[in-house]
Amino acid sequence: MKKIQLATLVSSALFAGTLLMAAAPASAQTQGMDRRDDRRDTRQDSRDTKRECKAGDEKTRAECRQDKRDTKQEGRKN
């Protein structure tokens, strides 16, 4: 009787482990999710561009804003 209980317990544990290993990956699964990730990357790139521009003294604020806009537009074309 104990061997049957042990076998049942082991098989249940293996089944549960198999289910956990088959869980969905944590990456984008649809085209919409991919596009959203691309937009987030583009926004971060444009923020970095503006931050780097403002750190330097050679351009005005308006020129830095235009650089940011240009970076966002380049991201939209891809």
Protein backbone atom coordinates (compact mmCIF):
# COMPACT_ATOMS: atom_id res chain seq x y z
CA MET A 1 0.00 0.00 0.00
CA LYS A 2 2.81 2.44 0.81
CA LYS A 3 4.48 1.81 -2.55
CA ILE A 4 1.29 2.85 -4.35
CA GLN A 5 1.04 6.04 -2.30
CA LEU A 6 4.68 6.84 -2.95
CA ALA A 7 4.27 6.23 -6.69
CA THR A 8 1.18 8.46 -6.75
CA LEU A 9 3.01 11.21 -4.91
CA VAL A 10 6.02 11.03 -7.23
CA SER A 11 3.88 11.03 -10.37
CA SER A 12 1.86 14.00 -9.08
CA ALA A 13 5.03 15.93 -8.38
CA LEU A 14 6.40 15.18 -11.86
CA PHE A 15 3.13 16.25 -13.46
CA ALA A 16 3.09 19.52 -11.51
CA GLY A 17 6.72 20.18 -12.44
CA THR A 18 5.96 19.57 -16.10
CA LEU A 19 3.10 22.09 -15.99
CA LEU A 20 5.32 24.74 -14.41
CA MET A 21 8.07 24.23 -16.97
CA ALA A 22 5.57 24.64 -19.82
CA ALA A 23 4.52 28.12 -18.65
CA ALA A 24 4.46 30.86 -21.28
CA PRO A 25 7.62 32.89 -21.81
CA ALA A 26 7.74 36.47 -20.52
CA SER A 27 8.33 38.04 -23.93
CA ALA A 28 6.00 39.66 -26.41
CA GLN A 29 3.59 37.24 -28.01
CA THR A 30 1.67 39.38 -30.50
CA GLN A 31 2.54 42.00 -33.07
CA GLY A 32 0.85 44.65 -30.95
CA MET A 33 3.09 43.85 -28.01
CA ASP A 34 6.14 44.02 -30.26
CA ARG A 35 5.07 47.42 -31.59
CA ARG A 36 4.50 48.71 -28.05
CA ASP A 37 7.98 47.55 -27.04
CA ASP A 38 9.41 49.32 -30.09
CA ARG A 39 7.61 52.56 -29.17
CA ARG A 40 8.95 52.37 -25.62
CA ASP A 41 12.48 51.89 -26.93
CA THR A 42 12.06 54.82 -29.33
CA ARG A 43 10.81 57.09 -26.54
CA GLN A 44 13.74 56.13 -24.31
CA ASP A 45 16.20 56.76 -27.15
CA SER A 46 14.72 60.21 -27.77
CA ARG A 47 14.90 61.03 -24.06
CA ASP A 48 18.56 60.00 -24.01
CA THR A 49 19.23 62.16 -27.07
CA LYS A 50 17.65 65.19 -25.43
CA ARG A 51 19.43 64.60 -22.12
CA GLU A 52 22.81 64.36 -23.88
CA CYS A 53 22.05 67.48 -25.88
CA LYS A 54 21.11 69.47 -22.77
CA ALA A 55 24.28 68.32 -21.03
CA GLY A 56 26.36 70.02 -23.73
CA ASP A 57 26.51 73.79 -24.13
CA GLU A 58 26.61 74.03 -27.89
CA LYS A 59 22.83 73.87 -28.64
CA THR A 60 19.79 75.79 -27.46
CA ARG A 61 16.78 74.19 -25.81
CA ALA A 62 14.81 74.47 -29.04
CA GLU A 63 17.54 72.66 -30.96
CA CYS A 64 17.58 69.89 -28.34
CA ARG A 65 13.81 69.52 -28.65
CA GLN A 66 14.15 69.26 -32.42
CA ASP A 67 16.80 66.56 -32.03
CA LYS A 68 14.39 64.65 -29.80
CA ARG A 69 11.60 64.99 -32.39
CA ASP A 70 13.93 63.80 -35.15
CA THR A 71 14.90 60.74 -33.13
CA LYS A 72 11.23 59.87 -32.54
CA GLN A 73 10.43 60.31 -36.24
CA GLU A 74 13.29 58.00 -37.21
CA GLY A 75 11.88 55.38 -34.86
CA ARG A 76 8.45 55.64 -36.46
CA LYS A 77 9.81 55.04 -39.94
CA ASN A 78 11.32 51.66 -39.03
